[in-house]
Amino acid sequence: MGIITTEKTSCRDCYKCIRHCPVKAIRLSMGHAEIVDERCIKDGKCTLVCPQGAKKIHSEVDDVQEFLRNDELVIASLAPSFVAGFPDVQPGQIVAALKKLGFASVRETAEAAHWVAREHLKILEEGKKGVITSSCPAVNSLIYTYYPHLLPYLASVVSPMIGHARMIRKEWGGKHVKVAFIGPCIAKKSERIEEEVAGEVDAVLTFDEIREWFSRENIVVSSLAPEPADVSSIQWARAFPVEGGLMKAASLDKELLSREFAVITGIDRCKNFLDDFEREKTGFKMLELMSCEGGCIDGPLLGSDISLYERRQRIIEYAENNLVVEEKKDTLDLPDFRRDFEIRSIPLPQPNEEELKQILSYTGKFTQKDELNCGACGYDTCRDKAVAVFQGLAEAEMCIPYMRARAESFSSFLIAVTPNGIMLVDENMRIVDLNPALRNMLSLKGQMVVGKNIDEYIDPSPFIEVFRTKKAITREVRYSAYEGLVMNLSVFYLEKSRLLMGIFVDLTQQRVQEKNLEEIREKTLRNAQQVVANQMMVAQEIASLLGETTAETKSLLSKLGKILRGEVVEE
């Protein structure tokens, strides 16, 4: 099961998720948008923009609850952005609420962020240049999936989440513990199961999932007495979620105005930079890339209504007011904070020019002028969409302008050629439109009919009845004013357009034929009755004659019998 899935029954052909997905990791199947998990970077844009709420995120709350039911020692690693994600309560109240859920200890991920920042600094001290920070899992996924040639520049350092899990496990001296990370990021769920770090973190929960859990357990966070989190050395690492936070934690913040150090936030800007990386790489030492605008404080599941500026202020204020003096490194038993990244890109087939032209032709694009590049399908250009069709990620029918033009053309053709009359009437009983067939039936060719009241031409009562009841009717009507025209009239109310539609089927010839047939039937019946009467008379005459003959025959035979017996026969 993927991290992000689609509820097909709620997915309605709007293509909004495709328009906002920065890597188009979505496949259209039977009109439904399916996430291509192996190509998805889990930035979460699709979950935020889906108007039907059809995108669902895999939850690991049940896993954590199972750990707790089994009396496992579960430790929470709380992302520093929590002070922006829960602005209505005190930080200590969140700690108390998590312990009330059953977590044995609540630690701040900033503990590891402090050392992760130092590890990036160490890479610079080793003389490396063109280093891309590796704390954002969505950016990491973007690089190893879509820019695999840039992997050598990605810092071989774990994220604070992985680093913190390693720190916790080492502190507990090998004792069996479960580590659950809590933050605003969907990509962390995917990072947790990456082969190079699998098993370090046991579950990833989002702030939204934690809120729902609090609600199910009837925990009113604002009513709890604040409790401090268990922390070691942090210093400025609590500022990690804001843009430039890693640089600040690594004491490189004074270098941000230098061309050698920079911060880029927002996945589209990150992509633009990576596209030009070969040209830019010689000009900087370290670049901090973050997929969310402004940093992790704009994470997809932060769940906060306060402005981005206020979130940033809260993070900085919390960091300033809660500085923890750094412990000497030699007094800490620190784990290794390094890791490797493997290429995970899956090359897709590319069409040649002829194949591309053929796909474009399916939607009426035969010349460059036909390519509108409107983006309605979710792709930037018609050719991008055609490539996606070739790769099995899109459907040709996604071209909305073409399908609309075809539908309008077909419906207009159908209305124009149908032998049945069609009339559209508004709620004020004014004629909105009527087709050629009805004009012929009512002898209205060339007349200005549209906009006039329907009662100027026909009886409006069926239309008035349907408008009043909103229920369709079908009845036979006769229009004496039009040479006895007989119609089968069906009237419907079109709710969305607030129009009444009448469909007229001409029954005049059918009724004439029925009348003629009835006359023929009656005449035939009369003739048949006369024939039967005549036959009866003949039959009676024949029967009379046969009766006399039979009597004479009987008398003769009787006499013959007497003669043969020798009896006396009287004359």
Protein backbone atom coordinates (compact mmCIF):
# COMPACT_ATOMS: atom_id res chain seq x y z
CA MET A 1 0.00 0.00 0.00
CA GLY A 2 1.35 3.44 -0.92
CA ILE A 3 1.85 6.37 1.44
CA ILE A 4 -0.74 8.42 -0.48
CA THR A 5 -3.72 6.70 -2.08
CA THR A 6 -6.88 7.78 -3.90
CA GLU A 7 -10.47 6.95 -2.99
CA LYS A 8 -11.79 6.24 -6.47
CA THR A 9 -15.41 6.89 -5.56
CA SER A 10 -14.51 10.47 -4.63
CA CYS A 11 -12.19 11.20 -7.56
CA ARG A 12 -14.10 13.24 -10.17
CA ASP A 13 -11.99 13.91 -13.31
CA CYS A 14 -10.88 17.37 -12.19
CA TYR A 15 -7.11 16.80 -12.79
CA LYS A 16 -6.29 19.33 -10.06
CA CYS A 17 -3.83 16.97 -8.39
CA ILE A 18 -1.98 16.58 -11.70
CA ARG A 19 -1.82 20.35 -12.19
CA HIS A 20 -0.21 20.79 -8.76
CA CYS A 21 2.03 17.71 -8.66
CA PRO A 22 5.55 19.03 -9.37
CA VAL A 23 6.72 15.70 -10.81
CA LYS A 24 3.44 14.46 -12.36
CA ALA A 25 3.64 11.22 -10.38
CA ILE A 26 -0.03 10.49 -11.05
CA ARG A 27 -1.54 7.97 -13.40
CA LEU A 28 -5.03 8.37 -14.85
CA SER A 29 -6.92 5.09 -14.95
CA MET A 30 -10.58 4.96 -16.00
CA GLY A 31 -10.84 8.63 -15.13
CA HIS A 32 -9.44 8.22 -11.61
CA ALA A 33 -6.13 9.71 -10.47
CA GLU A 34 -3.81 7.10 -8.95
CA ILE A 35 -0.53 7.98 -7.21
CA VAL A 36 2.50 6.30 -8.78
CA ASP A 37 4.21 5.61 -5.47
CA GLU A 38 7.67 4.86 -6.82
CA ARG A 39 7.76 8.23 -8.61
CA CYS A 40 6.03 10.27 -5.89
CA ILE A 41 8.24 12.53 -3.73
CA LYS A 42 5.53 12.81 -1.02
CA ASP A 43 5.57 16.61 -0.92
CA GLY A 44 1.83 16.41 -0.23
CA LYS A 45 0.59 19.02 -2.71
CA CYS A 46 -2.08 16.66 -4.06
CA THR A 47 -3.54 16.06 -0.60
CA LEU A 48 -3.96 19.79 -0.03
CA VAL A 49 -5.54 20.73 -3.36
CA CYS A 50 -7.93 17.81 -3.93
CA PRO A 51 -11.40 19.44 -3.79
CA GLN A 52 -13.11 16.12 -3.01
CA GLY A 53 -10.72 15.01 -0.26
CA ALA A 54 -10.02 11.88 -2.29
CA LYS A 55 -6.33 11.68 -1.37
CA LYS A 56 -5.72 9.64 1.76
CA ILE A 57 -2.48 9.33 3.75
CA HIS A 58 -1.44 6.04 5.29
CA SER A 59 -1.76 6.31 9.07
CA GLU A 60 0.50 4.52 11.56
CA VAL A 61 -1.50 5.49 14.66
CA ASP A 62 -2.81 1.93 14.96
CA ASP A 63 0.77 0.63 14.96
CA VAL A 64 1.77 2.94 17.81
CA GLN A 65 -1.36 2.04 19.77
CA GLU A 66 -0.48 -1.63 19.32
CA PHE A 67 3.02 -0.93 20.71
CA LEU A 68 1.44 0.69 23.76
CA ARG A 69 -1.07 -2.13 24.29
CA ASN A 70 1.85 -4.56 24.27
CA ASP A 71 3.59 -2.51 26.98
CA GLU A 72 6.39 -1.54 24.61
CA LEU A 73 8.62 1.35 25.65
CA VAL A 74 7.58 4.01 23.11
CA ILE A 75 9.49 7.30 22.90
CA ALA A 76 8.17 10.29 20.97
CA SER A 77 10.51 12.34 18.80
CA LEU A 78 8.71 15.69 18.49
CA ALA A 79 9.61 17.89 15.51
CA PRO A 80 10.50 21.50 16.52
CA SER A 81 7.72 22.86 14.27
CA PHE A 82 5.17 21.71 16.86
CA VAL A 83 5.07 25.17 18.45
CA ALA A 84 3.68 26.47 15.13
CA GLY A 85 1.42 23.47 14.62
CA PHE A 86 -0.27 23.84 18.03
CA PRO A 87 -0.36 27.62 18.51
CA ASP A 88 -3.29 27.63 20.96
CA VAL A 89 -1.53 25.70 23.72
CA GLN A 90 1.77 25.86 25.53
CA PRO A 91 4.62 23.62 24.32
CA GLY A 92 4.70 21.88 27.70
CA GLN A 93 1.02 21.02 27.41
CA ILE A 94 1.69 19.10 24.19
CA VAL A 95 4.40 17.16 26.04
CA ALA A 96 1.93 16.39 28.85
CA ALA A 97 -0.77 15.30 26.38
CA LEU A 98 1.62 12.93 24.58
CA LYS A 99 2.60 11.33 27.86
CA LYS A 100 -1.09 10.98 28.67
CA LEU A 101 -1.45 8.97 25.44
CA GLY A 102 1.13 6.56 26.81
CA PHE A 103 4.51 7.71 25.50
CA ALA A 104 7.19 6.87 28.05
CA SER A 105 9.25 9.91 27.12
CA VAL A 106 8.84 12.94 24.86
CA ARG A 107 12.05 14.16 23.24
CA GLU A 108 12.57 17.03 20.82
CA THR A 109 13.99 16.10 17.42
CA ALA A 110 15.98 19.33 17.65
CA GLU A 111 18.48 17.39 19.79
CA ALA A 112 19.60 15.53 16.67
CA ALA A 113 19.15 18.55 14.40
CA HIS A 114 21.92 20.21 16.35
CA TRP A 115 24.37 17.44 15.46
CA VAL A 116 23.06 16.98 11.91
CA ALA A 117 23.86 20.65 11.26
CA ARG A 118 27.35 20.11 12.66
CA GLU A 119 27.78 17.08 10.37
CA HIS A 120 27.02 19.24 7.33
CA LEU A 121 29.61 21.72 8.54
CA LYS A 122 32.13 18.89 8.86
CA ILE A 123 31.58 18.02 5.18
CA LEU A 124 32.57 21.58 4.27
CA GLU A 125 35.59 21.33 6.51
CA GLU A 126 36.59 18.24 4.55
CA GLY A 127 36.91 20.53 1.53
CA LYS A 128 33.80 19.53 -0.40
CA LYS A 129 31.93 22.11 -2.47
CA GLY A 130 28.54 22.25 -4.14
CA VAL A 131 26.96 20.44 -1.20
CA ILE A 132 23.16 20.08 -1.12
CA THR A 133 21.74 19.58 2.37
CA SER A 134 19.91 16.31 2.97
CA SER A 135 17.50 17.02 5.82
CA CYS A 136 14.36 17.37 3.65
CA PRO A 137 13.18 13.90 2.56
CA ALA A 138 11.02 15.29 -0.25
CA VAL A 139 14.04 17.05 -1.79
CA ASN A 140 16.14 13.94 -1.32
CA SER A 141 13.48 11.90 -3.12
CA LEU A 142 13.35 14.50 -5.89
CA ILE A 143 17.10 14.16 -6.41
CA TYR A 144 17.51 10.38 -6.25
CA THR A 145 14.41 9.82 -8.44
CA TYR A 146 14.58 12.63 -11.00
CA TYR A 147 18.14 14.00 -10.76
CA PRO A 148 20.17 10.87 -9.99
CA HIS A 149 23.25 12.37 -11.64
CA LEU A 150 23.33 14.90 -8.77
CA LEU A 151 23.49 12.30 -5.98
CA PRO A 152 27.24 12.85 -5.45
CA TYR A 153 26.42 16.41 -4.34
CA LEU A 154 23.74 15.37 -1.83
CA ALA A 155 25.22 15.46 1.69
CA SER A 156 25.64 11.92 3.01
CA VAL A 157 24.03 12.92 6.30
CA VAL A 158 20.88 11.55 7.91
CA SER A 159 17.90 13.77 8.60
CA PRO A 160 17.24 14.92 12.19
CA MET A 161 14.49 12.28 12.45
CA ILE A 162 16.84 9.38 11.68
CA GLY A 163 19.66 10.94 13.69
CA HIS A 164 17.41 11.33 16.72
CA ALA A 165 16.28 7.71 16.56
CA ARG A 166 19.92 6.65 16.53
CA MET A 167 20.67 8.89 19.50
CA ILE A 168 17.74 7.53 21.51
CA ARG A 169 18.64 3.91 20.84
CA LYS A 170 22.25 4.50 21.78
CA GLU A 171 21.28 6.28 25.00
CA TRP A 172 19.11 3.34 26.03
CA GLY A 173 22.13 1.09 25.61
CA GLY A 174 20.54 -1.45 23.35
CA LYS A 175 17.39 -1.80 25.44
CA HIS A 176 14.39 -2.50 23.23
CA VAL A 177 12.60 0.77 22.53
CA LYS A 178 10.16 2.01 19.90
CA VAL A 179 10.70 5.45 18.37
CA ALA A 180 7.74 7.37 16.94
CA PHE A 181 8.45 10.60 15.08
CA ILE A 182 5.75 13.31 15.21
CA GLY A 183 5.81 16.14 12.67
CA PRO A 184 4.03 17.96 9.83
CA CYS A 185 5.64 16.03 6.96
CA ILE A 186 4.23 13.26 4.76
CA ALA A 187 7.62 12.51 3.18
CA LYS A 188 8.91 11.35 6.58
CA LYS A 189 6.60 8.34 6.29
CA SER A 190 8.39 7.37 3.10
CA GLU A 191 11.84 8.16 4.46
CA ARG A 192 11.25 5.81 7.39
CA ILE A 193 11.12 2.78 5.09
CA GLU A 194 14.03 3.68 2.79
CA GLU A 195 16.33 0.70 2.58
CA GLU A 196 19.41 2.58 3.86
CA VAL A 197 17.70 3.63 7.12
CA ALA A 198 14.85 1.13 7.49
CA GLY A 199 14.23 0.06 11.08
CA GLU A 200 15.65 3.22 12.66
CA VAL A 201 12.22 4.79 13.24
CA ASP A 202 9.26 2.56 14.09
CA ALA A 203 6.39 4.90 13.17
CA VAL A 204 5.75 8.37 11.77
CA LEU A 205 2.72 10.34 12.94
CA THR A 206 1.56 13.70 11.66
CA PHE A 207 0.27 16.60 13.72
CA ASP A 208 -3.19 16.03 12.22
CA GLU A 209 -3.14 12.39 13.32
CA ILE A 210 -2.08 13.40 16.84
CA ARG A 211 -4.95 15.90 17.05
CA GLU A 212 -7.43 13.18 16.06
CA TRP A 213 -5.90 10.84 18.64
CA PHE A 214 -6.23 13.49 21.37
CA SER A 215 -9.88 13.94 20.37
CA ARG A 216 -10.66 10.19 20.46
CA GLU A 217 -9.13 9.95 23.94
CA ASN A 218 -11.02 13.08 25.10
CA ILE A 219 -7.76 14.80 26.00
CA VAL A 220 -8.21 18.58 26.33
CA VAL A 221 -4.63 19.73 25.84
CA SER A 222 -5.23 23.28 27.11
CA SER A 223 -6.40 21.93 30.48
CA LEU A 224 -3.19 20.00 31.23
CA ALA A 225 -0.34 21.18 33.41
CA PRO A 226 2.74 21.81 31.23
CA GLU A 227 5.60 19.33 31.43
CA PRO A 228 9.10 19.86 30.03
CA ALA A 229 10.42 17.68 27.22
CA ASP A 230 13.49 15.56 27.84
CA VAL A 231 16.32 17.35 26.01
CA SER A 232 20.09 17.37 25.93
CA SER A 233 22.08 19.86 23.84
CA ILE A 234 20.06 21.92 21.40
CA GLN A 235 21.18 25.55 21.16
CA TRP A 236 19.69 26.99 17.93
CA ALA A 237 18.53 23.66 16.50
CA ARG A 238 14.92 24.48 17.44
CA ALA A 239 15.05 26.97 14.54
CA PHE A 240 15.65 24.08 12.11
CA PRO A 241 12.10 24.19 10.62
CA VAL A 242 12.44 27.75 9.23
CA GLU A 243 14.38 28.54 6.06
CA GLY A 244 18.01 28.93 6.99
CA GLY A 245 17.50 26.97 10.21
CA LEU A 246 20.19 24.43 9.36
CA MET A 247 22.62 27.23 8.54
CA LYS A 248 21.82 28.90 11.88
CA ALA A 249 22.33 25.65 13.78
CA ALA A 250 25.64 25.14 11.98
CA SER A 251 26.68 28.73 12.82
CA LEU A 252 26.69 29.58 9.11
CA ASP A 253 23.87 32.10 9.31
CA LYS A 254 26.31 35.00 8.97
CA GLU A 255 27.33 33.55 5.61
CA LEU A 256 23.82 33.61 4.11
CA LEU A 257 24.49 36.91 2.37
CA SER A 258 27.46 35.28 0.69
CA ARG A 259 27.03 33.76 -2.75
CA GLU A 260 28.63 30.59 -1.41
CA PHE A 261 25.68 29.82 0.90
CA ALA A 262 22.00 30.00 0.06
CA VAL A 263 18.57 28.69 1.03
CA ILE A 264 15.87 27.77 -1.49
CA THR A 265 12.37 26.78 -0.36
CA GLY A 266 9.42 25.56 -2.39
CA ILE A 267 9.64 22.47 -4.59
CA ASP A 268 9.23 24.34 -7.86
CA ARG A 269 12.12 26.68 -7.06
CA CYS A 270 14.19 23.70 -5.97
CA LYS A 271 13.48 22.04 -9.32
CA ASN A 272 14.44 25.17 -11.22
CA PHE A 273 17.75 25.30 -9.39
CA LEU A 274 18.48 21.61 -9.95
CA ASP A 275 17.73 22.06 -13.66
CA ASP A 276 20.54 24.65 -13.80
CA PHE A 277 22.80 22.88 -11.31
CA GLU A 278 25.63 22.16 -13.73
CA ARG A 279 25.93 25.87 -14.44
CA GLU A 280 25.56 26.93 -10.80
CA LYS A 281 27.54 24.28 -8.92
CA THR A 282 30.91 26.05 -9.04
CA GLY A 283 29.46 29.15 -7.43
CA PHE A 284 28.46 27.86 -3.98
CA LYS A 285 29.71 25.76 -1.11
CA MET A 286 26.42 24.70 0.46
CA LEU A 287 22.78 25.05 -0.51
CA GLU A 288 19.87 24.30 1.81
CA LEU A 289 16.88 23.01 -0.18
CA MET A 290 13.46 22.65 1.47
CA SER A 291 10.38 21.45 -0.40
CA CYS A 292 7.86 23.56 1.57
CA GLU A 293 7.58 27.33 1.17
CA GLY A 294 9.34 28.96 4.12
CA GLY A 295 10.54 25.60 5.42
CA CYS A 296 8.90 22.89 7.53
CA ILE A 297 6.63 25.48 9.15
CA ASP A 298 4.51 25.14 5.97
CA GLY A 299 4.43 21.34 6.10
CA PRO A 300 1.34 19.81 4.44
CA LEU A 301 -0.03 18.40 7.71
CA LEU A 302 1.02 21.17 10.09
CA GLY A 303 -2.68 21.94 10.54
CA SER A 304 -2.29 25.53 11.73
CA ASP A 305 -4.38 28.53 10.65
CA ILE A 306 -1.87 31.19 11.70
CA SER A 307 0.13 32.97 9.02
CA LEU A 308 3.51 31.79 7.79
CA TYR A 309 5.08 34.90 9.32
CA GLU A 310 3.56 34.19 12.74
CA ARG A 311 4.67 30.57 12.57
CA ARG A 312 8.21 31.72 11.90
CA GLN A 313 8.07 34.17 14.78
CA ARG A 314 6.86 31.48 17.17
CA ILE A 315 9.67 29.11 16.18
CA ILE A 316 12.37 31.77 16.56
CA GLU A 317 10.95 33.00 19.88
CA TYR A 318 10.80 29.44 21.22
CA ALA A 319 14.39 28.83 20.14
CA GLU A 320 15.62 32.10 21.70
CA ASN A 321 13.84 31.55 25.00
CA ASN A 322 14.86 27.92 25.37
CA LEU A 323 18.53 27.80 24.49
CA VAL A 324 20.19 24.74 26.01
CA VAL A 325 23.89 25.06 26.63
CA GLU A 326 25.81 22.68 24.40
CA GLU A 327 27.40 19.77 26.13
CA LYS A 328 30.94 18.92 25.15
CA LYS A 329 30.92 16.34 22.42
CA ASP A 330 33.35 14.09 24.23
CA THR A 331 30.90 13.73 27.11
CA LEU A 332 28.16 12.41 24.77
CA ASP A 333 28.03 8.97 23.27
CA LEU A 334 26.92 10.05 19.81
CA PRO A 335 25.94 7.70 16.99
CA ASP A 336 27.06 7.91 13.39
CA PHE A 337 25.12 10.61 11.51
CA ARG A 338 26.10 9.51 8.00
CA ARG A 339 24.15 7.56 5.36
CA ASP A 340 24.21 6.71 1.67
CA PHE A 341 21.61 7.45 -0.99
CA GLU A 342 20.81 5.09 -3.83
CA ILE A 343 19.35 5.91 -7.23
CA ARG A 344 15.66 5.06 -7.32
CA SER A 345 14.73 6.54 -10.67
CA ILE A 346 12.60 4.41 -12.98
CA PRO A 347 13.20 5.48 -16.59
CA LEU A 348 10.05 5.80 -18.65
CA PRO A 349 9.86 5.19 -22.41
CA GLN A 350 10.02 8.28 -24.61
CA PRO A 351 8.02 8.58 -27.84
CA ASN A 352 9.64 9.57 -31.11
CA GLU A 353 8.25 12.47 -33.13
CA GLU A 354 5.96 10.30 -35.24
CA GLU A 355 4.48 8.60 -32.19
CA LEU A 356 4.02 11.98 -30.55
CA LYS A 357 2.20 13.36 -33.59
CA GLN A 358 -0.09 10.35 -33.68
CA ILE A 359 -1.07 10.82 -30.03
CA LEU A 360 -1.64 14.54 -30.57
CA SER A 361 -3.87 13.74 -33.53
CA TYR A 362 -6.22 11.78 -31.25
CA THR A 363 -7.36 15.10 -29.81
CA GLY A 364 -7.45 17.09 -33.03
CA LYS A 365 -3.95 18.57 -32.82
CA PHE A 366 -2.45 18.33 -36.28
CA THR A 367 -0.40 21.52 -36.30
CA GLN A 368 1.44 23.54 -33.66
CA LYS A 369 -1.39 26.08 -33.80
CA ASP A 370 -3.80 23.40 -32.57
CA GLU A 371 -1.74 22.93 -29.39
CA LEU A 372 -3.41 25.32 -26.95
CA ASN A 373 -1.14 24.45 -23.99
CA CYS A 374 -3.95 25.57 -21.68
CA GLY A 375 -2.92 23.28 -18.81
CA ALA A 376 -6.50 22.17 -18.11
CA CYS A 377 -5.42 18.51 -18.21
CA GLY A 378 -2.78 19.16 -15.54
CA TYR A 379 0.23 19.17 -17.88
CA ASP A 380 2.05 22.33 -18.87
CA THR A 381 1.89 21.66 -22.60
CA CYS A 382 -0.04 19.44 -25.00
CA ARG A 383 3.20 17.65 -25.83
CA ASP A 384 3.91 16.93 -22.15
CA LYS A 385 0.49 15.35 -21.91
CA ALA A 386 1.07 13.36 -25.10
CA VAL A 387 4.32 12.00 -23.65
CA ALA A 388 2.41 11.00 -20.49
CA VAL A 389 -0.17 9.21 -22.65
CA PHE A 390 2.63 7.28 -24.35
CA GLN A 391 4.04 6.36 -20.91
CA GLY A 392 0.69 5.14 -19.65
CA LEU A 393 0.32 7.94 -17.10
CA ALA A 394 -2.45 9.89 -18.84
CA GLU A 395 -5.43 9.37 -21.11
CA ALA A 396 -5.95 11.10 -24.45
CA GLU A 397 -9.48 12.06 -23.37
CA MET A 398 -8.04 14.36 -20.68
CA CYS A 399 -7.94 17.18 -23.25
CA ILE A 400 -10.88 19.22 -21.93
CA PRO A 401 -11.12 21.80 -24.78
CA TYR A 402 -11.13 19.02 -27.38
CA MET A 403 -13.65 16.87 -25.54
CA ARG A 404 -15.88 19.86 -24.92
CA ALA A 405 -15.73 20.92 -28.56
CA ARG A 406 -16.48 17.38 -29.65
CA ALA A 407 -19.37 17.07 -27.20
CA GLU A 408 -20.81 20.42 -28.24
CA SER A 409 -20.37 19.56 -31.90
CA PHE A 410 -22.01 16.18 -31.48
CA SER A 411 -24.90 17.49 -29.37
CA SER A 412 -25.48 20.37 -31.78
CA PHE A 413 -25.42 17.95 -34.69
CA LEU A 414 -27.80 15.61 -32.90
CA ILE A 415 -30.27 18.39 -32.08
CA ALA A 416 -30.05 19.76 -35.61
CA VAL A 417 -30.70 16.47 -37.41
CA THR A 418 -33.18 14.81 -35.08
CA PRO A 419 -36.68 14.59 -36.62
CA ASN A 420 -38.21 15.40 -33.25
CA GLY A 421 -38.88 18.97 -32.23
CA ILE A 422 -36.95 20.44 -29.29
CA MET A 423 -37.72 23.67 -27.43
CA LEU A 424 -35.99 25.27 -24.45
CA VAL A 425 -38.04 27.62 -22.29
CA ASP A 426 -36.90 29.68 -19.29
CA GLU A 427 -38.73 30.02 -15.99
CA ASN A 428 -40.55 33.09 -17.29
CA MET A 429 -41.99 31.00 -20.14
CA ARG A 430 -39.84 32.72 -22.75
CA ILE A 431 -38.46 30.68 -25.61
CA VAL A 432 -34.69 30.26 -25.29
CA ASP A 433 -34.11 28.09 -28.34
CA LEU A 434 -35.79 25.63 -30.69
CA ASN A 435 -34.40 23.30 -33.33
CA PRO A 436 -35.11 23.25 -37.10
CA ALA A 437 -37.47 20.28 -36.82
CA LEU A 438 -39.85 22.17 -34.52
CA ARG A 439 -39.68 25.26 -36.71
CA ASN A 440 -40.84 23.10 -39.64
CA MET A 441 -43.62 21.50 -37.59
CA LEU A 442 -44.98 24.88 -36.49
CA SER A 443 -44.25 26.62 -39.80
CA LEU A 444 -41.93 29.11 -38.06
CA LYS A 445 -39.09 29.17 -40.60
CA GLY A 446 -37.42 32.55 -40.75
CA GLN A 447 -39.41 33.98 -37.83
CA MET A 448 -37.83 35.64 -34.78
CA VAL A 449 -39.10 33.32 -32.08
CA VAL A 450 -36.34 33.26 -29.46
CA GLY A 451 -37.12 35.58 -26.55
CA LYS A 452 -40.87 35.58 -27.12
CA ASN A 453 -43.44 34.06 -24.78
CA ILE A 454 -44.34 30.46 -25.51
CA ASP A 455 -48.08 31.21 -25.34
CA GLU A 456 -47.78 33.20 -28.57
CA TYR A 457 -47.30 29.90 -30.37
CA ILE A 458 -48.55 26.96 -28.30
CA ASP A 459 -50.43 26.13 -25.11
CA PRO A 460 -47.93 26.72 -22.24
CA SER A 461 -49.82 24.71 -19.60
CA PRO A 462 -47.59 21.56 -19.75
CA PHE A 463 -44.48 23.72 -19.25
CA ILE A 464 -46.10 25.66 -16.41
CA GLU A 465 -47.08 22.41 -14.70
CA VAL A 466 -43.55 20.99 -14.89
CA PHE A 467 -42.04 24.25 -13.63
CA ARG A 468 -44.42 24.16 -10.67
CA THR A 469 -43.94 20.48 -9.76
CA LYS A 470 -40.40 19.93 -11.10
CA LYS A 471 -41.67 16.54 -12.31
CA ALA A 472 -41.47 15.43 -15.93
CA ILE A 473 -44.68 14.77 -17.85
CA THR A 474 -45.57 13.10 -21.15
CA ARG A 475 -48.92 13.64 -22.88
CA GLU A 476 -50.55 13.83 -26.29
CA VAL A 477 -51.50 17.33 -27.41
CA ARG A 478 -53.36 18.66 -30.44
CA TYR A 479 -52.68 22.06 -31.98
CA SER A 480 -55.71 23.05 -34.03
CA ALA A 481 -54.02 26.28 -35.13
CA TYR A 482 -51.42 24.22 -37.00
CA GLU A 483 -53.76 22.18 -39.25
CA GLY A 484 -54.68 19.76 -36.50
CA LEU A 485 -51.08 18.94 -35.61
CA VAL A 486 -50.97 16.07 -33.09
CA MET A 487 -47.88 15.76 -30.86
CA ASN A 488 -46.53 13.49 -28.16
CA LEU A 489 -45.03 16.11 -25.81
CA SER A 490 -42.50 15.33 -23.06
CA VAL A 491 -41.42 18.21 -20.78
CA PHE A 492 -38.46 18.09 -18.35
CA TYR A 493 -37.00 20.58 -15.89
CA LEU A 494 -33.20 21.04 -16.21
CA GLU A 495 -32.26 22.02 -12.68
CA LYS A 496 -28.67 23.13 -13.27
CA SER A 497 -29.54 25.42 -16.16
CA ARG A 498 -32.99 26.28 -14.72
CA LEU A 499 -34.59 25.64 -18.10
CA LEU A 500 -37.57 23.62 -19.31
CA MET A 501 -37.05 21.29 -22.25
CA GLY A 502 -39.90 20.14 -24.44
CA ILE A 503 -39.51 17.27 -26.88
CA PHE A 504 -42.21 17.10 -29.58
CA VAL A 505 -42.85 13.89 -31.54
CA ASP A 506 -45.16 14.44 -34.53
CA LEU A 507 -48.02 11.91 -34.41
CA THR A 508 -50.18 13.58 -37.07
CA GLN A 509 -49.49 11.11 -39.90
CA GLN A 510 -49.71 8.23 -37.49
CA ARG A 511 -53.14 9.40 -36.31
CA VAL A 512 -54.32 9.90 -39.95
CA GLN A 513 -53.17 6.39 -40.78
CA GLU A 514 -54.90 5.05 -37.68
CA LYS A 515 -58.16 6.83 -38.72
CA ASN A 516 -57.93 5.45 -42.27
CA LEU A 517 -57.24 2.01 -40.90
CA GLU A 518 -60.27 2.26 -38.63
CA GLU A 519 -62.50 3.26 -41.58
CA ILE A 520 -61.20 0.34 -43.62
CA ARG A 521 -61.79 -1.98 -40.70
CA GLU A 522 -65.41 -0.81 -40.26
CA LYS A 523 -66.14 -1.09 -44.03
CA THR A 524 -64.63 -4.55 -44.14
CA LEU A 525 -66.69 -5.58 -41.14
CA ARG A 526 -69.91 -4.35 -42.81
CA ASN A 527 -69.09 -6.20 -46.04
CA ALA A 528 -68.26 -9.35 -44.12
CA GLN A 529 -71.54 -9.18 -42.24
CA GLN A 530 -73.46 -8.85 -45.56
CA VAL A 531 -71.62 -11.83 -47.03
CA VAL A 532 -72.43 -13.92 -43.97
CA ALA A 533 -76.11 -12.97 -44.21
CA ASN A 534 -76.25 -13.96 -47.90
CA GLN A 535 -74.55 -17.23 -47.20
CA MET A 536 -77.02 -18.01 -44.49
CA MET A 537 -79.93 -17.52 -46.95
CA VAL A 538 -78.33 -19.83 -49.51
CA ALA A 539 -77.67 -22.42 -46.86
CA GLN A 540 -81.26 -22.35 -45.73
CA GLU A 541 -82.56 -22.83 -49.34
CA ILE A 542 -80.19 -25.71 -49.92
CA ALA A 543 -81.24 -27.29 -46.68
CA SER A 544 -84.91 -27.04 -47.69
CA LEU A 545 -84.32 -28.72 -51.04
CA LEU A 546 -82.20 -31.42 -49.46
CA GLY A 547 -84.96 -32.14 -46.98
CA GLU A 548 -87.63 -32.83 -49.70
CA THR A 549 -85.28 -35.05 -51.74
CA THR A 550 -84.33 -37.08 -48.73
CA ALA A 551 -87.98 -37.83 -47.92
CA GLU A 552 -88.76 -39.12 -51.45
CA THR A 553 -85.63 -41.29 -51.43
CA LYS A 554 -86.60 -42.80 -48.13
CA SER A 555 -90.10 -43.72 -49.47
CA LEU A 556 -88.75 -45.43 -52.62
CA LEU A 557 -86.21 -47.46 -50.66
CA SER A 558 -88.92 -48.62 -48.31
CA LYS A 559 -91.09 -49.88 -51.22
CA LEU A 560 -88.10 -51.66 -52.79
CA GLY A 561 -87.46 -53.52 -49.55
CA LYS A 562 -91.06 -54.77 -49.37
CA ILE A 563 -90.96 -56.02 -53.00
CA LEU A 564 -87.78 -57.94 -52.30
CA ARG A 565 -89.36 -59.55 -49.28
CA GLY A 566 -92.44 -60.43 -51.33
CA GLU A 567 -94.75 -58.22 -49.52
CA VAL A 568 -97.71 -56.44 -51.13
CA VAL A 569 -96.87 -52.88 -52.07
CA GLU A 570 -99.57 -50.32 -52.18
CA GLU A 571 -99.55 -47.83 -55.01
